[in-house]
Amino acid sequence: MGKVIKLALMGTAVALFAWGCSKEKPETDPQPQTAPEAPADSTLNLDALVADTLSADSLARLEAERLEAERARLEELINRIMLEDVYFDYDRSELTENAKRLLAQVAEILVNENRFIVTVEGHTDARGTEDYNISLGARRSTVVREFLIAYGVDANRLVSVSYGKERPKVQGTDETAYSKNRRAHFRVSIDQ
């Protein structure tokens, strides 16, 4: 009887196999499943994105270079103003012809660069009393300020102060030292 059961099981297996093979398979896509294809213009979108990124980086670099150039230009102008002092004769507050020429150059810069705030410092030599020298220094800084205003510089951007003999440029008690200390000096800041 064992042979009969084995034959029956084998026959059933063959029948099931044949029955499974005889069915029509549903139609399937012969290609393996992959991600949907990107539209043809996606390459262009990627290129545009890369170009935009490069453009943004380039623009940022160009802006940084522009700002650095502007900073260097302003620094050079400030140095031109601050390196030159206006000198005065002994016990005087009138502008010399040399002082007027120098102030015309300073005024030209200030008229064209309206972000600068300028403090005009009046100084004297060591001779005279403290009160007298403070007053003389004030007259010197005021005459320089008034010249710049007359040239067209906005008065709100100019401040005048006097230090009298308190901040000498040169130490000494001879005429050479005294002549270097009788001056108006500029301090420049940038109005943000």
N, C-alpha and C. Protein backbone atom coordinates (compact mmCIF):
# COMPACT_ATOMS: atom_id res chain seq x y z
N MET A 1 0.80 -1.15 0.00
CA MET A 1 0.00 0.00 0.00
C MET A 1 0.86 1.23 0.00
N GLY A 2 2.03 1.17 0.47
CA GLY A 2 2.93 2.30 0.49
C GLY A 2 3.24 2.80 -0.90
N LYS A 3 3.27 1.78 -1.86
CA LYS A 3 3.57 2.21 -3.23
C LYS A 3 2.42 3.00 -3.79
N VAL A 4 1.23 2.65 -3.44
CA VAL A 4 0.05 3.31 -3.99
C VAL A 4 0.00 4.75 -3.46
N ILE A 5 0.30 4.95 -2.22
CA ILE A 5 0.24 6.30 -1.64
C ILE A 5 1.32 7.16 -2.26
N LYS A 6 2.48 6.56 -2.44
CA LYS A 6 3.57 7.33 -3.04
C LYS A 6 3.21 7.76 -4.44
N LEU A 7 2.61 6.81 -5.20
CA LEU A 7 2.23 7.14 -6.57
C LEU A 7 1.14 8.20 -6.58
N ALA A 8 0.22 8.13 -5.65
CA ALA A 8 -0.87 9.10 -5.60
C ALA A 8 -0.32 10.48 -5.27
N LEU A 9 0.58 10.53 -4.33
CA LEU A 9 1.17 11.82 -3.95
C LEU A 9 1.98 12.41 -5.10
N MET A 10 2.69 11.53 -5.79
CA MET A 10 3.48 12.03 -6.93
C MET A 10 2.57 12.52 -8.02
N GLY A 11 1.49 11.84 -8.25
CA GLY A 11 0.56 12.26 -9.28
C GLY A 11 -0.08 13.58 -8.94
N THR A 12 -0.41 13.76 -7.66
CA THR A 12 -1.00 15.02 -7.23
C THR A 12 0.01 16.15 -7.39
N ALA A 13 1.25 15.88 -7.06
CA ALA A 13 2.28 16.90 -7.19
C ALA A 13 2.47 17.30 -8.64
N VAL A 14 2.47 16.29 -9.55
CA VAL A 14 2.63 16.59 -10.97
C VAL A 14 1.43 17.37 -11.47
N ALA A 15 0.23 17.00 -11.01
CA ALA A 15 -0.98 17.69 -11.45
C ALA A 15 -0.97 19.15 -10.97
N LEU A 16 -0.58 19.35 -9.71
CA LEU A 16 -0.51 20.72 -9.19
C LEU A 16 0.53 21.54 -9.94
N PHE A 17 1.64 20.92 -10.23
CA PHE A 17 2.68 21.61 -10.97
C PHE A 17 2.19 22.02 -12.34
N ALA A 18 1.53 21.07 -13.01
CA ALA A 18 1.02 21.34 -14.36
C ALA A 18 -0.06 22.40 -14.30
N TRP A 19 -0.91 22.31 -13.30
CA TRP A 19 -2.00 23.28 -13.18
C TRP A 19 -1.42 24.67 -12.92
N GLY A 20 -0.38 24.78 -12.08
CA GLY A 20 0.25 26.07 -11.79
C GLY A 20 0.95 26.63 -13.00
N CYS A 21 1.51 25.82 -13.83
CA CYS A 21 2.23 26.29 -15.00
C CYS A 21 1.30 26.66 -16.12
N SER A 22 0.10 26.10 -16.12
CA SER A 22 -0.78 26.33 -17.25
C SER A 22 -1.47 27.68 -17.18
N LYS A 23 -1.54 28.30 -16.03
CA LYS A 23 -2.21 29.59 -15.93
C LYS A 23 -1.40 30.64 -16.67
N GLU A 24 -2.14 31.58 -17.22
CA GLU A 24 -1.44 32.70 -17.87
C GLU A 24 -0.93 33.63 -16.78
N LYS A 25 0.28 34.03 -16.96
CA LYS A 25 0.87 34.96 -15.99
C LYS A 25 0.34 36.36 -16.29
N PRO A 26 0.10 37.13 -15.27
CA PRO A 26 -0.31 38.51 -15.54
C PRO A 26 0.84 39.25 -16.21
N GLU A 27 0.44 40.17 -17.04
CA GLU A 27 1.48 40.92 -17.75
C GLU A 27 2.23 41.80 -16.76
N THR A 28 3.52 41.73 -16.85
CA THR A 28 4.36 42.55 -15.98
C THR A 28 5.32 43.33 -16.84
N ASP A 29 5.81 44.35 -16.26
CA ASP A 29 6.80 45.17 -16.96
C ASP A 29 8.08 44.38 -17.07
N PRO A 30 8.59 44.15 -18.28
CA PRO A 30 9.79 43.35 -18.42
C PRO A 30 11.01 44.00 -17.79
N GLN A 31 10.96 45.32 -17.50
CA GLN A 31 12.12 46.00 -16.93
C GLN A 31 12.03 45.96 -15.41
N PRO A 32 13.14 45.92 -14.76
CA PRO A 32 13.11 45.93 -13.30
C PRO A 32 12.56 47.26 -12.80
N GLN A 33 11.99 47.22 -11.61
CA GLN A 33 11.42 48.44 -11.04
C GLN A 33 12.55 49.40 -10.67
N THR A 34 12.45 50.61 -11.15
CA THR A 34 13.42 51.65 -10.83
C THR A 34 12.65 52.90 -10.48
N ALA A 35 13.35 53.87 -10.01
CA ALA A 35 12.72 55.16 -9.71
C ALA A 35 12.19 55.75 -10.99
N PRO A 36 11.10 56.47 -10.90
CA PRO A 36 10.58 57.08 -12.11
C PRO A 36 11.63 57.99 -12.73
N GLU A 37 11.62 58.01 -14.02
CA GLU A 37 12.60 58.84 -14.72
C GLU A 37 12.27 60.30 -14.52
N ALA A 38 13.31 61.08 -14.34
CA ALA A 38 13.13 62.51 -14.20
C ALA A 38 12.82 63.10 -15.56
N PRO A 39 12.05 64.14 -15.57
CA PRO A 39 11.79 64.77 -16.86
C PRO A 39 13.09 65.21 -17.50
N ALA A 40 13.07 65.35 -18.79
CA ALA A 40 14.28 65.68 -19.54
C ALA A 40 14.86 67.02 -19.10
N ASP A 41 14.00 67.95 -18.67
CA ASP A 41 14.52 69.26 -18.31
C ASP A 41 15.08 69.30 -16.89
N SER A 42 15.07 68.17 -16.15
CA SER A 42 15.63 68.17 -14.80
C SER A 42 17.13 68.40 -14.84
N THR A 43 17.77 67.98 -15.90
CA THR A 43 19.19 68.26 -16.04
C THR A 43 19.40 69.76 -16.10
N LEU A 44 18.52 70.41 -16.81
CA LEU A 44 18.60 71.87 -16.87
C LEU A 44 18.34 72.48 -15.51
N ASN A 45 17.38 71.93 -14.76
CA ASN A 45 17.10 72.45 -13.42
C ASN A 45 18.31 72.27 -12.51
N LEU A 46 18.97 71.12 -12.60
CA LEU A 46 20.16 70.88 -11.81
C LEU A 46 21.26 71.85 -12.22
N ASP A 47 21.42 72.03 -13.53
CA ASP A 47 22.42 72.98 -14.02
C ASP A 47 22.10 74.39 -13.52
N ALA A 48 20.82 74.75 -13.55
CA ALA A 48 20.41 76.07 -13.08
C ALA A 48 20.69 76.22 -11.59
N LEU A 49 20.42 75.15 -10.83
CA LEU A 49 20.69 75.19 -9.40
C LEU A 49 22.18 75.36 -9.13
N VAL A 50 22.99 74.61 -9.85
CA VAL A 50 24.44 74.74 -9.70
C VAL A 50 24.88 76.15 -10.09
N ALA A 51 24.33 76.66 -11.19
CA ALA A 51 24.68 78.01 -11.63
C ALA A 51 24.25 79.04 -10.60
N ASP A 52 23.04 78.86 -10.03
CA ASP A 52 22.58 79.79 -9.00
C ASP A 52 23.49 79.75 -7.78
N THR A 53 23.89 78.54 -7.39
CA THR A 53 24.78 78.41 -6.24
C THR A 53 26.12 79.07 -6.53
N LEU A 54 26.65 78.80 -7.72
CA LEU A 54 27.91 79.43 -8.09
C LEU A 54 27.74 80.93 -8.17
N SER A 55 26.61 81.37 -8.71
CA SER A 55 26.35 82.80 -8.81
C SER A 55 26.26 83.42 -7.42
N ALA A 56 25.57 82.74 -6.50
CA ALA A 56 25.46 83.26 -5.14
C ALA A 56 26.83 83.33 -4.48
N ASP A 57 27.64 82.29 -4.66
CA ASP A 57 29.00 82.31 -4.12
C ASP A 57 29.82 83.41 -4.76
N SER A 58 29.69 83.53 -6.08
CA SER A 58 30.43 84.57 -6.80
C SER A 58 29.97 85.95 -6.35
N LEU A 59 28.66 86.11 -6.20
CA LEU A 59 28.14 87.40 -5.75
C LEU A 59 28.63 87.73 -4.34
N ALA A 60 28.63 86.74 -3.47
CA ALA A 60 29.12 86.96 -2.11
C ALA A 60 30.59 87.34 -2.12
N ARG A 61 31.37 86.65 -2.96
CA ARG A 61 32.80 86.97 -3.06
C ARG A 61 32.99 88.38 -3.62
N LEU A 62 32.23 88.71 -4.67
CA LEU A 62 32.33 90.04 -5.26
C LEU A 62 31.92 91.12 -4.26
N GLU A 63 30.88 90.86 -3.49
CA GLU A 63 30.43 91.82 -2.49
C GLU A 63 31.50 92.00 -1.41
N ALA A 64 32.12 90.91 -0.99
CA ALA A 64 33.19 91.01 0.00
C ALA A 64 34.37 91.81 -0.55
N GLU A 65 34.71 91.58 -1.81
CA GLU A 65 35.79 92.34 -2.44
C GLU A 65 35.43 93.82 -2.55
N ARG A 66 34.16 94.10 -2.88
CA ARG A 66 33.72 95.49 -3.00
C ARG A 66 33.79 96.19 -1.64
N LEU A 67 33.33 95.50 -0.60
CA LEU A 67 33.37 96.08 0.74
C LEU A 67 34.81 96.32 1.20
N GLU A 68 35.69 95.40 0.90
CA GLU A 68 37.11 95.58 1.27
C GLU A 68 37.71 96.76 0.53
N ALA A 69 37.40 96.90 -0.75
CA ALA A 69 37.90 98.04 -1.53
C ALA A 69 37.35 99.35 -0.97
N GLU A 70 36.08 99.37 -0.59
CA GLU A 70 35.47 100.57 -0.01
C GLU A 70 36.11 100.89 1.33
N ARG A 71 36.35 99.88 2.15
CA ARG A 71 37.01 100.10 3.43
C ARG A 71 38.40 100.69 3.24
N ALA A 72 39.15 100.15 2.29
CA ALA A 72 40.50 100.66 2.01
C ALA A 72 40.44 102.10 1.51
N ARG A 73 39.46 102.41 0.67
CA ARG A 73 39.31 103.78 0.14
C ARG A 73 39.01 104.76 1.27
N LEU A 74 38.09 104.38 2.16
CA LEU A 74 37.74 105.26 3.28
C LEU A 74 38.92 105.43 4.22
N GLU A 75 39.63 104.36 4.47
CA GLU A 75 40.81 104.43 5.34
C GLU A 75 41.86 105.37 4.76
N GLU A 76 42.06 105.30 3.45
CA GLU A 76 43.03 106.19 2.80
C GLU A 76 42.59 107.64 2.92
N LEU A 77 41.30 107.92 2.75
CA LEU A 77 40.80 109.29 2.89
C LEU A 77 40.96 109.80 4.32
N ILE A 78 40.63 108.95 5.28
CA ILE A 78 40.77 109.34 6.68
C ILE A 78 42.23 109.65 6.99
N ASN A 79 43.13 108.81 6.51
CA ASN A 79 44.56 109.06 6.75
C ASN A 79 45.01 110.37 6.12
N ARG A 80 44.51 110.67 4.93
CA ARG A 80 44.87 111.94 4.28
C ARG A 80 44.44 113.13 5.13
N ILE A 81 43.27 113.02 5.74
CA ILE A 81 42.78 114.11 6.58
C ILE A 81 43.57 114.19 7.88
N MET A 82 43.76 113.06 8.54
CA MET A 82 44.35 113.06 9.88
C MET A 82 45.86 113.28 9.88
N LEU A 83 46.51 112.99 8.78
CA LEU A 83 47.97 113.16 8.77
C LEU A 83 48.40 114.61 8.66
N GLU A 84 47.50 115.45 8.20
CA GLU A 84 47.84 116.86 8.01
C GLU A 84 47.26 117.71 9.13
N ASP A 85 48.09 118.49 9.75
CA ASP A 85 47.64 119.46 10.75
C ASP A 85 47.66 120.85 10.13
N VAL A 86 46.81 121.72 10.67
CA VAL A 86 46.79 123.13 10.27
C VAL A 86 47.62 123.88 11.31
N TYR A 87 48.66 124.55 10.86
CA TYR A 87 49.56 125.24 11.79
C TYR A 87 49.25 126.73 11.84
N PHE A 88 49.54 127.31 13.03
CA PHE A 88 49.24 128.72 13.28
C PHE A 88 50.51 129.44 13.74
N ASP A 89 50.52 130.74 13.50
CA ASP A 89 51.60 131.57 14.01
C ASP A 89 51.43 131.75 15.52
N TYR A 90 52.50 132.21 16.14
CA TYR A 90 52.49 132.38 17.59
C TYR A 90 51.36 133.32 18.03
N ASP A 91 50.58 132.85 19.00
CA ASP A 91 49.51 133.62 19.62
C ASP A 91 48.45 134.09 18.62
N ARG A 92 48.30 133.37 17.53
CA ARG A 92 47.34 133.76 16.47
C ARG A 92 46.36 132.61 16.21
N SER A 93 45.20 133.01 15.66
CA SER A 93 44.21 132.01 15.26
C SER A 93 43.74 132.24 13.82
N GLU A 94 44.44 133.12 13.09
CA GLU A 94 44.10 133.34 11.68
C GLU A 94 44.75 132.26 10.82
N LEU A 95 44.04 131.90 9.75
CA LEU A 95 44.56 130.87 8.84
C LEU A 95 45.59 131.46 7.90
N THR A 96 46.70 130.75 7.75
CA THR A 96 47.71 131.15 6.76
C THR A 96 47.26 130.68 5.38
N GLU A 97 47.95 131.14 4.35
CA GLU A 97 47.61 130.69 2.99
C GLU A 97 47.83 129.19 2.84
N ASN A 98 48.90 128.67 3.43
CA ASN A 98 49.13 127.21 3.40
C ASN A 98 47.99 126.47 4.09
N ALA A 99 47.54 127.01 5.21
CA ALA A 99 46.44 126.37 5.95
C ALA A 99 45.17 126.36 5.10
N LYS A 100 44.90 127.45 4.40
CA LYS A 100 43.69 127.52 3.56
C LYS A 100 43.75 126.51 2.42
N ARG A 101 44.93 126.34 1.82
CA ARG A 101 45.07 125.34 0.75
C ARG A 101 44.82 123.92 1.29
N LEU A 102 45.41 123.64 2.42
CA LEU A 102 45.21 122.33 3.05
C LEU A 102 43.73 122.12 3.40
N LEU A 103 43.11 123.12 3.98
CA LEU A 103 41.70 122.99 4.37
C LEU A 103 40.79 122.84 3.16
N ALA A 104 41.14 123.46 2.05
CA ALA A 104 40.35 123.28 0.82
C ALA A 104 40.38 121.81 0.38
N GLN A 105 41.53 121.17 0.50
CA GLN A 105 41.63 119.75 0.15
C GLN A 105 40.82 118.88 1.12
N VAL A 106 40.91 119.20 2.39
CA VAL A 106 40.14 118.46 3.40
C VAL A 106 38.65 118.66 3.16
N ALA A 107 38.25 119.90 2.89
CA ALA A 107 36.83 120.19 2.65
C ALA A 107 36.31 119.45 1.43
N GLU A 108 37.12 119.36 0.40
CA GLU A 108 36.72 118.63 -0.81
C GLU A 108 36.40 117.17 -0.48
N ILE A 109 37.24 116.56 0.32
CA ILE A 109 37.00 115.18 0.73
C ILE A 109 35.71 115.09 1.54
N LEU A 110 35.54 116.00 2.49
CA LEU A 110 34.37 115.94 3.37
C LEU A 110 33.07 116.23 2.65
N VAL A 111 33.10 117.09 1.66
CA VAL A 111 31.89 117.38 0.88
C VAL A 111 31.48 116.13 0.09
N ASN A 112 32.46 115.43 -0.44
CA ASN A 112 32.17 114.24 -1.26
C ASN A 112 31.93 112.98 -0.44
N GLU A 113 32.36 112.97 0.79
CA GLU A 113 32.20 111.77 1.64
C GLU A 113 31.43 112.18 2.89
N ASN A 114 30.11 112.14 2.79
CA ASN A 114 29.28 112.69 3.87
C ASN A 114 29.08 111.75 5.06
N ARG A 115 29.79 110.65 5.11
CA ARG A 115 29.69 109.76 6.27
C ARG A 115 30.71 110.10 7.35
N PHE A 116 31.64 110.99 7.05
CA PHE A 116 32.68 111.31 8.02
C PHE A 116 32.18 112.32 9.05
N ILE A 117 32.47 112.05 10.29
CA ILE A 117 32.26 112.99 11.39
C ILE A 117 33.65 113.43 11.82
N VAL A 118 33.87 114.75 11.86
CA VAL A 118 35.22 115.26 12.13
C VAL A 118 35.22 116.10 13.40
N THR A 119 36.17 115.78 14.26
CA THR A 119 36.44 116.60 15.43
C THR A 119 37.69 117.41 15.13
N VAL A 120 37.56 118.73 15.23
CA VAL A 120 38.69 119.63 15.02
C VAL A 120 39.22 119.98 16.40
N GLU A 121 40.46 119.59 16.67
CA GLU A 121 41.09 119.83 17.97
C GLU A 121 42.00 121.04 17.87
N GLY A 122 41.78 122.02 18.74
CA GLY A 122 42.67 123.19 18.79
C GLY A 122 43.75 122.99 19.83
N HIS A 123 45.00 123.25 19.44
CA HIS A 123 46.15 123.07 20.33
C HIS A 123 47.02 124.33 20.34
N THR A 124 47.79 124.47 21.41
CA THR A 124 48.71 125.61 21.54
C THR A 124 50.07 125.10 21.98
N ASP A 125 51.04 126.02 21.98
CA ASP A 125 52.33 125.64 22.55
C ASP A 125 52.25 125.81 24.06
N ALA A 126 53.35 125.56 24.75
CA ALA A 126 53.35 125.51 26.22
C ALA A 126 53.38 126.88 26.88
N ARG A 127 53.61 127.93 26.12
CA ARG A 127 53.68 129.27 26.72
C ARG A 127 52.27 129.79 27.03
N GLY A 128 52.15 130.55 28.06
CA GLY A 128 50.86 131.14 28.44
C GLY A 128 50.17 130.32 29.51
N THR A 129 49.11 130.91 30.05
CA THR A 129 48.37 130.22 31.11
C THR A 129 47.46 129.15 30.51
N GLU A 130 47.03 128.28 31.38
CA GLU A 130 46.14 127.20 30.93
C GLU A 130 44.84 127.77 30.37
N ASP A 131 44.24 128.71 31.08
CA ASP A 131 42.97 129.30 30.61
C ASP A 131 43.15 130.01 29.27
N TYR A 132 44.23 130.78 29.16
CA TYR A 132 44.46 131.50 27.91
C TYR A 132 44.63 130.51 26.75
N ASN A 133 45.39 129.46 26.97
CA ASN A 133 45.65 128.48 25.91
C ASN A 133 44.39 127.68 25.53
N ILE A 134 43.54 127.40 26.50
CA ILE A 134 42.26 126.73 26.18
C ILE A 134 41.44 127.65 25.27
N SER A 135 41.41 128.94 25.60
CA SER A 135 40.67 129.90 24.78
C SER A 135 41.28 130.03 23.38
N LEU A 136 42.60 130.11 23.30
CA LEU A 136 43.28 130.21 22.00
C LEU A 136 43.05 128.94 21.17
N GLY A 137 43.15 127.79 21.81
CA GLY A 137 42.88 126.53 21.10
C GLY A 137 41.46 126.48 20.58
N ALA A 138 40.50 127.00 21.36
CA ALA A 138 39.10 127.04 20.92
C ALA A 138 38.95 127.96 19.71
N ARG A 139 39.61 129.11 19.72
CA ARG A 139 39.54 130.01 18.55
C ARG A 139 40.12 129.33 17.32
N ARG A 140 41.20 128.60 17.48
CA ARG A 140 41.82 127.90 16.35
C ARG A 140 40.91 126.81 15.79
N SER A 141 40.35 126.00 16.65
CA SER A 141 39.47 124.94 16.15
C SER A 141 38.20 125.53 15.53
N THR A 142 37.72 126.64 16.08
CA THR A 142 36.52 127.28 15.54
C THR A 142 36.77 127.87 14.16
N VAL A 143 37.91 128.52 13.96
CA VAL A 143 38.20 129.12 12.65
C VAL A 143 38.34 128.03 11.58
N VAL A 144 38.91 126.89 11.94
CA VAL A 144 39.01 125.77 10.99
C VAL A 144 37.62 125.23 10.68
N ARG A 145 36.82 125.04 11.70
CA ARG A 145 35.44 124.54 11.51
C ARG A 145 34.65 125.49 10.61
N GLU A 146 34.74 126.79 10.87
CA GLU A 146 34.00 127.77 10.06
C GLU A 146 34.46 127.78 8.61
N PHE A 147 35.76 127.61 8.38
CA PHE A 147 36.27 127.53 7.01
C PHE A 147 35.64 126.34 6.29
N LEU A 148 35.61 125.19 6.95
CA LEU A 148 35.05 123.99 6.33
C LEU A 148 33.55 124.15 6.05
N ILE A 149 32.83 124.78 6.96
CA ILE A 149 31.40 125.03 6.75
C ILE A 149 31.21 125.96 5.56
N ALA A 150 32.01 127.02 5.49
CA ALA A 150 31.90 127.96 4.36
C ALA A 150 32.20 127.26 3.04
N TYR A 151 33.01 126.24 3.07
CA TYR A 151 33.36 125.49 1.86
C TYR A 151 32.25 124.52 1.46
N GLY A 152 31.28 124.28 2.36
CA GLY A 152 30.15 123.42 2.02
C GLY A 152 30.01 122.16 2.85
N VAL A 153 30.85 122.00 3.85
CA VAL A 153 30.75 120.83 4.72
C VAL A 153 29.60 121.05 5.71
N ASP A 154 28.78 120.03 5.91
CA ASP A 154 27.64 120.11 6.83
C ASP A 154 28.13 120.37 8.25
N ALA A 155 27.62 121.44 8.86
CA ALA A 155 28.04 121.83 10.21
C ALA A 155 27.76 120.75 11.24
N ASN A 156 26.74 119.94 11.01
CA ASN A 156 26.39 118.88 11.96
C ASN A 156 27.43 117.76 11.99
N ARG A 157 28.33 117.76 11.03
CA ARG A 157 29.36 116.71 10.97
C ARG A 157 30.70 117.21 11.51
N LEU A 158 30.71 118.42 12.05
CA LEU A 158 31.95 119.03 12.54
C LEU A 158 31.80 119.40 14.02
N VAL A 159 32.77 119.00 14.80
CA VAL A 159 32.80 119.33 16.22
C VAL A 159 34.15 119.99 16.49
N SER A 160 34.14 121.08 17.27
CA SER A 160 35.42 121.69 17.61
C SER A 160 35.64 121.61 19.12
N VAL A 161 36.86 121.27 19.49
CA VAL A 161 37.26 121.19 20.90
C VAL A 161 38.62 121.85 21.05
N SER A 162 38.94 122.21 22.28
CA SER A 162 40.25 122.79 22.56
C SER A 162 40.94 121.99 23.65
N TYR A 163 42.20 121.70 23.41
CA TYR A 163 43.02 121.05 24.41
C TYR A 163 44.11 121.98 24.94
N GLY A 164 44.16 123.20 24.40
CA GLY A 164 45.18 124.13 24.85
C GLY A 164 46.56 123.52 24.71
N LYS A 165 47.32 123.59 25.80
CA LYS A 165 48.69 123.06 25.77
C LYS A 165 48.78 121.64 26.35
N GLU A 166 47.65 121.00 26.61
CA GLU A 166 47.61 119.72 27.30
C GLU A 166 48.07 118.53 26.46
N ARG A 167 48.02 118.62 25.16
CA ARG A 167 48.40 117.49 24.30
C ARG A 167 49.41 117.93 23.24
N PRO A 168 50.61 118.17 23.64
CA PRO A 168 51.60 118.62 22.65
C PRO A 168 51.93 117.51 21.65
N LYS A 169 52.18 117.93 20.44
CA LYS A 169 52.60 116.99 19.40
C LYS A 169 54.08 116.65 19.58
N VAL A 170 54.84 117.66 19.98
CA VAL A 170 56.29 117.52 20.15
C VAL A 170 56.66 118.06 21.53
N GLN A 171 57.50 117.33 22.24
CA GLN A 171 58.02 117.81 23.52
C GLN A 171 59.20 118.73 23.26
N GLY A 172 59.31 119.77 24.03
CA GLY A 172 60.45 120.67 23.88
C GLY A 172 60.08 122.09 24.24
N THR A 173 61.12 122.89 24.44
CA THR A 173 60.91 124.28 24.84
C THR A 173 61.60 125.24 23.89
N ASP A 174 61.81 124.80 22.66
CA ASP A 174 62.40 125.70 21.67
C ASP A 174 61.34 126.03 20.60
N GLU A 175 61.67 126.98 19.75
CA GLU A 175 60.70 127.44 18.75
C GLU A 175 60.27 126.32 17.79
N THR A 176 61.16 125.39 17.47
CA THR A 176 60.80 124.27 16.58
C THR A 176 59.69 123.44 17.21
N ALA A 177 59.82 123.11 18.48
CA ALA A 177 58.79 122.34 19.17
C ALA A 177 57.51 123.16 19.30
N TYR A 178 57.65 124.42 19.68
CA TYR A 178 56.47 125.27 19.83
C TYR A 178 55.68 125.37 18.52
N SER A 179 56.39 125.53 17.41
CA SER A 179 55.70 125.72 16.13
C SER A 179 54.91 124.46 15.71
N LYS A 180 55.38 123.30 16.12
CA LYS A 180 54.67 122.05 15.79
C LYS A 180 53.43 121.86 16.67
N ASN A 181 53.40 122.52 17.83
CA ASN A 181 52.28 122.36 18.76
C ASN A 181 51.17 123.39 18.55
N ARG A 182 51.43 124.45 17.81
CA ARG A 182 50.40 125.47 17.51
C ARG A 182 49.62 125.00 16.29
N ARG A 183 48.56 124.25 16.54
CA ARG A 183 47.92 123.56 15.42
C ARG A 183 46.46 123.26 15.69
N ALA A 184 45.79 122.88 14.61
CA ALA A 184 44.48 122.25 14.69
C ALA A 184 44.67 120.86 14.10
N HIS A 185 44.17 119.87 14.80
CA HIS A 185 44.32 118.48 14.38
C HIS A 185 42.94 117.88 14.16
N PHE A 186 42.85 116.93 13.23
CA PHE A 186 41.56 116.30 12.90
C PHE A 186 41.49 114.88 13.45
N ARG A 187 40.34 114.55 13.99
CA ARG A 187 39.98 113.17 14.34
C ARG A 187 38.76 112.85 13.50
N VAL A 188 38.81 111.71 12.82
CA VAL A 188 37.72 111.36 11.89
C VAL A 188 37.11 110.03 12.31
N SER A 189 35.80 110.00 12.31
CA SER A 189 35.07 108.75 12.51
C SER A 189 34.04 108.63 11.39
N ILE A 190 33.50 107.43 11.25
CA ILE A 190 32.51 107.19 10.20
C ILE A 190 31.15 107.04 10.84
N ASP A 191 30.20 107.83 10.35
CA ASP A 191 28.82 107.74 10.83
C ASP A 191 28.19 106.50 10.25
N GLN A 192 27.80 105.57 11.10
CA GLN A 192 27.19 104.33 10.64
C GLN A 192 25.75 104.59 10.42
